[in-house]
Amino acid sequence: MAKLRYYDASEKAPSPVTKAAVHTEFLRTGRIERRRQTPEQRRYLSYEEVAEKTGRKLTAAGEATYRRINSFHASINFPKMIFHRTLAASPHLGYCHVTAATTRLARSQDVTWAFYFANFFSDLGDETHFFDRIQAGYSRMYFAVAIEPGTDEGRMVVNRNVRGNGLIFRTQDPKVALKNVLMLGARDEALRKIIRSL
């Protein structure tokens, strides 16, 4: 894959000085200027700068998502666990962890799960390549995975015993994602019935 280069598009190049029309220049000098004025040199960004900008955007979106989830009902209160990661080879792509909780899935024991969103869509792979077949369009991916403590101290890993790959849900629709997270956080059947009717 070709190495990506990023430039700062936020600084707008100054508009070129308008010159006399081509026909008047020809009448005055007898020649037409073929060279066009080029905008000033672009300022290219390092991967660290791109990752920092992406991280700020992901964190802000994570904060908004967390507020939206917890404002639904007083009995649903998820812990705030917002952190982000960017992909090393493509720092404009990243994902954000929003919250984690424990719930009982149908016909199973209590399952600890984590809710994420990413600024791309992909399949979930294995432990070495967690994201597989990344599609970097303008879509987001919202997903929840079952987690369990790993071998390293304080590190969580995907619990692949749940549904074969650990994936609880994955969607591109933020409303469906909100509904699924609320269903996972609902403590009683009456609240689940209200959430289902949304």
Protein backbone atom coordinates (compact mmCIF):
# COMPACT_ATOMS: atom_id res chain seq x y z
CA MET A 1 0.00 0.00 0.00
CA ALA A 2 1.31 3.45 -0.86
CA LYS A 3 2.32 5.64 2.05
CA LEU A 4 -0.24 8.39 2.61
CA ARG A 5 0.68 12.07 2.76
CA TYR A 6 -1.48 14.55 4.61
CA TYR A 7 -1.58 18.32 4.20
CA ASP A 8 -3.22 21.04 6.23
CA ALA A 9 -6.39 22.05 4.41
CA SER A 10 -7.58 24.33 7.21
CA GLU A 11 -5.28 27.17 6.18
CA LYS A 12 -6.78 28.51 3.02
CA ALA A 13 -4.34 29.67 0.41
CA PRO A 14 -4.60 33.36 -0.33
CA SER A 15 -6.60 34.06 -3.44
CA PRO A 16 -4.35 34.89 -6.39
CA VAL A 17 -4.13 38.52 -7.39
CA THR A 18 -6.47 39.09 -10.27
CA LYS A 19 -4.59 40.04 -13.33
CA ALA A 20 -5.85 41.88 -16.35
CA ALA A 21 -7.90 39.75 -18.72
CA VAL A 22 -5.94 37.67 -21.22
CA HIS A 23 -7.15 39.59 -24.24
CA THR A 24 -6.12 42.96 -22.79
CA GLU A 25 -2.70 41.55 -21.87
CA PHE A 26 -2.32 40.32 -25.44
CA LEU A 27 -3.29 43.69 -26.86
CA ARG A 28 -0.80 45.42 -24.57
CA THR A 29 2.21 43.07 -24.92
CA GLY A 30 1.46 40.93 -27.95
CA ARG A 31 1.70 37.66 -25.96
CA ILE A 32 -0.51 35.48 -23.75
CA GLU A 33 0.87 34.41 -20.39
CA ARG A 34 0.60 30.59 -20.33
CA ARG A 35 1.94 30.05 -16.83
CA ARG A 36 -0.64 30.14 -14.10
CA GLN A 37 0.03 31.37 -10.64
CA THR A 38 0.42 28.46 -8.24
CA PRO A 39 -0.89 28.66 -4.71
CA GLU A 40 1.64 28.77 -1.94
CA GLN A 41 3.35 25.52 -0.99
CA ARG A 42 1.15 23.17 1.00
CA ARG A 43 2.16 22.41 4.56
CA TYR A 44 2.30 18.65 4.96
CA LEU A 45 1.47 17.10 8.31
CA SER A 46 3.34 14.34 10.10
CA TYR A 47 1.55 11.15 11.10
CA GLU A 48 1.70 12.30 14.74
CA GLU A 49 -0.08 15.57 13.90
CA VAL A 50 -2.77 13.73 11.94
CA ALA A 51 -3.23 11.20 14.76
CA GLU A 52 -3.57 14.06 17.27
CA LYS A 53 -6.26 15.80 15.18
CA THR A 54 -8.10 12.53 14.63
CA GLY A 55 -7.90 11.79 18.36
CA ARG A 56 -9.44 15.14 19.29
CA LYS A 57 -12.35 14.53 16.89
CA LEU A 58 -12.90 10.98 18.16
CA THR A 59 -12.82 12.09 21.82
CA ALA A 60 -15.33 14.89 21.18
CA ALA A 61 -17.66 12.44 19.38
CA GLY A 62 -17.20 9.95 22.23
CA GLU A 63 -18.20 12.57 24.80
CA ALA A 64 -21.34 13.44 22.79
CA THR A 65 -22.22 9.76 22.39
CA TYR A 66 -21.79 9.14 26.11
CA ARG A 67 -24.06 12.08 27.01
CA ARG A 68 -26.69 10.85 24.54
CA ILE A 69 -26.68 7.32 25.98
CA ASN A 70 -26.91 8.37 29.62
CA SER A 71 -29.62 11.00 29.07
CA PHE A 72 -32.23 8.44 28.01
CA HIS A 73 -33.46 7.22 31.41
CA ALA A 74 -32.41 7.77 35.02
CA SER A 75 -32.08 4.02 35.68
CA ILE A 76 -29.57 3.59 32.85
CA ASN A 77 -26.20 4.95 33.90
CA PHE A 78 -23.12 3.69 32.10
CA PRO A 79 -19.61 4.38 33.37
CA LYS A 80 -17.60 6.96 31.43
CA MET A 81 -14.59 5.18 29.89
CA ILE A 82 -13.65 7.27 26.86
CA PHE A 83 -10.36 6.67 25.10
CA HIS A 84 -9.32 6.46 21.47
CA ARG A 85 -6.76 4.78 19.22
CA THR A 86 -5.70 5.61 15.68
CA LEU A 87 -4.40 3.14 13.12
CA ALA A 88 -0.61 3.32 12.76
CA ALA A 89 -0.48 3.13 8.96
CA SER A 90 -3.51 5.41 8.49
CA PRO A 91 -3.69 7.92 11.36
CA HIS A 92 -6.79 9.59 9.90
CA LEU A 93 -8.67 6.40 10.82
CA GLY A 94 -9.40 5.49 14.40
CA TYR A 95 -11.86 4.18 16.93
CA CYS A 96 -13.16 5.34 20.30
CA HIS A 97 -14.14 3.30 23.37
CA VAL A 98 -17.19 4.89 25.00
CA THR A 99 -18.31 2.65 27.84
CA ALA A 100 -18.33 -0.88 29.21
CA ALA A 101 -20.79 -2.77 31.37
CA THR A 102 -22.05 -6.21 32.30
CA THR A 103 -25.36 -7.67 31.18
CA ARG A 104 -27.08 -11.00 30.74
CA LEU A 105 -27.53 -12.04 27.14
CA ALA A 106 -30.28 -14.52 26.27
CA ARG A 107 -29.62 -18.01 27.69
CA SER A 108 -26.12 -17.19 28.93
CA GLN A 109 -24.23 -16.02 31.95
CA ASP A 110 -23.41 -12.40 32.63
CA VAL A 111 -21.26 -11.00 29.86
CA THR A 112 -18.96 -7.99 30.15
CA TRP A 113 -19.06 -5.91 26.98
CA ALA A 114 -17.54 -2.72 25.60
CA PHE A 115 -19.12 -0.23 23.22
CA TYR A 116 -17.02 1.43 20.49
CA PHE A 117 -17.43 3.48 17.36
CA ALA A 118 -14.98 3.91 14.48
CA ASN A 119 -14.73 6.46 11.66
CA PHE A 120 -14.61 3.62 9.10
CA PHE A 121 -16.43 0.36 8.47
CA SER A 122 -14.75 -3.04 8.60
CA ASP A 123 -15.10 -6.67 9.55
CA LEU A 124 -13.66 -7.84 12.84
CA GLY A 125 -10.62 -10.03 12.47
CA ASP A 126 -8.45 -11.88 14.96
CA GLU A 127 -6.22 -10.65 17.80
CA THR A 128 -3.33 -9.63 15.52
CA HIS A 129 -5.50 -7.67 13.04
CA PHE A 130 -8.59 -6.65 14.98
CA PHE A 131 -10.02 -4.74 12.00
CA ASP A 132 -10.16 -6.67 8.76
CA ARG A 133 -11.07 -5.35 5.28
CA ILE A 134 -11.29 -1.68 6.27
CA GLN A 135 -13.59 0.48 4.13
CA ALA A 136 -12.59 4.08 4.76
CA GLY A 137 -15.64 5.77 3.31
CA TYR A 138 -17.44 8.52 5.15
CA SER A 139 -19.44 6.09 7.26
CA ARG A 140 -19.03 5.24 10.90
CA MET A 141 -19.25 1.84 12.49
CA TYR A 142 -20.82 1.34 15.92
CA PHE A 143 -20.14 -1.97 17.62
CA ALA A 144 -20.08 -3.78 20.93
CA VAL A 145 -17.86 -6.74 21.75
CA ALA A 146 -17.79 -9.15 24.66
CA ILE A 147 -14.62 -8.72 26.70
CA GLU A 148 -12.75 -10.61 29.40
CA PRO A 149 -9.49 -10.06 31.33
CA GLY A 150 -6.41 -10.98 29.30
CA THR A 151 -3.14 -12.54 30.39
CA ASP A 152 -1.45 -9.15 30.83
CA GLU A 153 -2.29 -7.21 33.99
CA GLY A 154 -5.20 -4.81 33.39
CA ARG A 155 -5.59 -5.66 29.70
CA MET A 156 -8.95 -6.74 28.32
CA VAL A 157 -9.34 -9.00 25.30
CA VAL A 158 -12.29 -10.01 23.15
CA ASN A 159 -14.21 -12.95 24.58
CA ARG A 160 -14.59 -15.05 21.44
CA ASN A 161 -16.74 -17.63 23.26
CA VAL A 162 -19.69 -15.26 22.92
CA ARG A 163 -21.39 -15.72 19.53
CA GLY A 164 -18.28 -17.23 17.97
CA ASN A 165 -16.33 -14.02 17.42
CA GLY A 166 -17.22 -11.88 20.44
CA LEU A 167 -19.28 -9.41 18.41
CA ILE A 168 -22.55 -8.49 20.12
CA PHE A 169 -23.71 -6.02 17.47
CA ARG A 170 -22.33 -3.92 14.61
CA THR A 171 -24.17 -1.24 12.65
CA GLN A 172 -23.68 1.95 10.65
CA ASP A 173 -26.89 3.50 11.96
CA PRO A 174 -26.40 5.58 15.15
CA LYS A 175 -30.07 5.16 16.14
CA VAL A 176 -29.81 1.37 15.97
CA ALA A 177 -26.57 1.52 17.96
CA LEU A 178 -28.19 3.68 20.64
CA LYS A 179 -31.12 1.31 20.88
CA ASN A 180 -28.83 -1.73 21.17
CA VAL A 181 -26.69 -0.13 23.90
CA LEU A 182 -29.79 0.91 25.83
CA MET A 183 -31.16 -2.64 25.56
CA LEU A 184 -27.89 -3.96 26.98
CA GLY A 185 -28.09 -1.46 29.85
CA ALA A 186 -31.77 -1.89 30.71
CA ARG A 187 -32.25 -3.61 34.06
CA ASP A 188 -35.87 -4.72 33.78
CA GLU A 189 -38.29 -5.94 31.14
CA ALA A 190 -40.56 -2.87 31.39
CA LEU A 191 -37.71 -0.59 30.32
CA ARG A 192 -36.71 -3.00 27.54
CA LYS A 193 -40.26 -2.85 26.24
CA ILE A 194 -40.09 0.96 26.07
CA ILE A 195 -36.73 0.80 24.25
CA ARG A 196 -38.05 -1.78 21.75
CA SER A 197 -40.93 0.54 20.87
CA LEU A 198 -38.56 3.36 19.81
